[in-house]
Amino acid sequence: MRTIIELPAAQLSALDTWCRRDGISRAEAIRQAVAAHLRLERSRTPDPAFGLWKDRPVDGLAYERRMRREWDRGRRR
């Protein structure tokens, strides 16, 4: 998909320097920059499971320990 953007002169100059150095087009440099930015943004997105137990009346660690004790009892039979 095509898009039109306006860049300040300093950014355009830096972009052209990058393109000459790497032997790539402006379009490719912008695609790479957008891809890198999106990877960074995804890494900042919290895990959807984070805080899942925050509204539950039981402590998550206590629950986990209780469940593991049940598993251990099942192995001893």
Protein backbone atom coordinates (compact mmCIF):
# COMPACT_ATOMS: atom_id res chain seq x y z
CA MET A 1 0.00 0.00 0.00
CA ARG A 2 1.29 3.44 -0.80
CA THR A 3 1.33 6.34 1.59
CA ILE A 4 2.63 9.88 1.56
CA ILE A 5 4.51 11.33 4.51
CA GLU A 6 6.27 14.61 5.17
CA LEU A 7 9.61 14.56 6.96
CA PRO A 8 11.60 17.48 8.33
CA ALA A 9 14.77 18.21 6.36
CA ALA A 10 17.03 16.81 9.09
CA GLN A 11 15.16 13.47 9.14
CA LEU A 12 15.17 13.26 5.36
CA SER A 13 18.91 13.89 5.27
CA ALA A 14 19.53 11.22 7.91
CA LEU A 15 17.24 8.83 6.00
CA ASP A 16 19.17 9.43 2.77
CA THR A 17 22.47 8.82 4.58
CA TRP A 18 21.12 5.52 5.91
CA CYS A 19 19.88 4.52 2.44
CA ARG A 20 23.22 5.26 0.77
CA ARG A 21 25.14 3.43 3.49
CA ASP A 22 22.95 0.31 3.28
CA GLY A 23 22.24 0.49 -0.44
CA ILE A 24 18.48 0.49 0.04
CA SER A 25 15.63 2.66 -1.16
CA ARG A 26 13.83 5.17 1.03
CA ALA A 27 10.75 2.95 0.91
CA GLU A 28 12.75 -0.04 2.17
CA ALA A 29 14.34 2.04 4.93
CA ILE A 30 10.92 3.24 6.07
CA ARG A 31 9.54 -0.34 5.98
CA GLN A 32 12.46 -1.46 8.15
CA ALA A 33 11.96 1.44 10.55
CA VAL A 34 8.24 0.72 10.91
CA ALA A 35 8.90 -3.01 11.44
CA ALA A 36 11.50 -2.24 14.14
CA HIS A 37 9.12 0.17 15.85
CA LEU A 38 6.27 -2.36 15.82
CA ARG A 39 8.54 -5.06 17.33
CA LEU A 40 9.44 -2.62 20.10
CA GLU A 41 5.79 -1.76 20.73
CA ARG A 42 4.81 -5.44 20.90
CA SER A 43 7.54 -6.06 23.46
CA ARG A 44 6.03 -3.30 25.63
CA THR A 45 2.56 -4.85 25.56
CA PRO A 46 1.98 -6.72 28.81
CA ASP A 47 1.26 -10.42 28.77
CA PRO A 48 -2.55 -10.86 28.72
CA ALA A 49 -2.24 -13.27 31.66
CA PHE A 50 -0.46 -10.67 33.81
CA GLY A 51 -2.67 -9.72 36.74
CA LEU A 52 -5.22 -12.43 35.94
CA TRP A 53 -5.63 -13.31 39.63
CA LYS A 54 -5.72 -9.75 41.00
CA ASP A 55 -9.46 -9.81 41.78
CA ARG A 56 -9.57 -13.31 43.23
CA PRO A 57 -9.90 -13.80 46.99
CA VAL A 58 -7.13 -16.41 47.12
CA ASP A 59 -3.40 -15.76 46.94
CA GLY A 60 -2.06 -17.18 43.66
CA LEU A 61 1.08 -18.62 45.24
CA ALA A 62 -0.88 -20.30 48.03
CA TYR A 63 -3.23 -21.82 45.44
CA GLU A 64 -0.30 -23.10 43.38
CA ARG A 65 1.32 -24.71 46.42
CA ARG A 66 -1.98 -26.39 47.39
CA MET A 67 -2.40 -27.79 43.88
CA ARG A 68 1.17 -29.10 43.82
CA ARG A 69 0.63 -30.85 47.16
CA GLU A 70 -2.40 -32.58 45.63
CA TRP A 71 -0.27 -33.73 42.70
CA ASP A 72 2.39 -35.04 45.08
CA ARG A 73 -0.23 -37.01 47.06
CA GLY A 74 -1.48 -38.55 43.81
CA ARG A 75 2.02 -39.85 42.96
CA ARG A 76 2.44 -41.63 46.28
CA ARG A 77 -0.52 -43.94 45.76
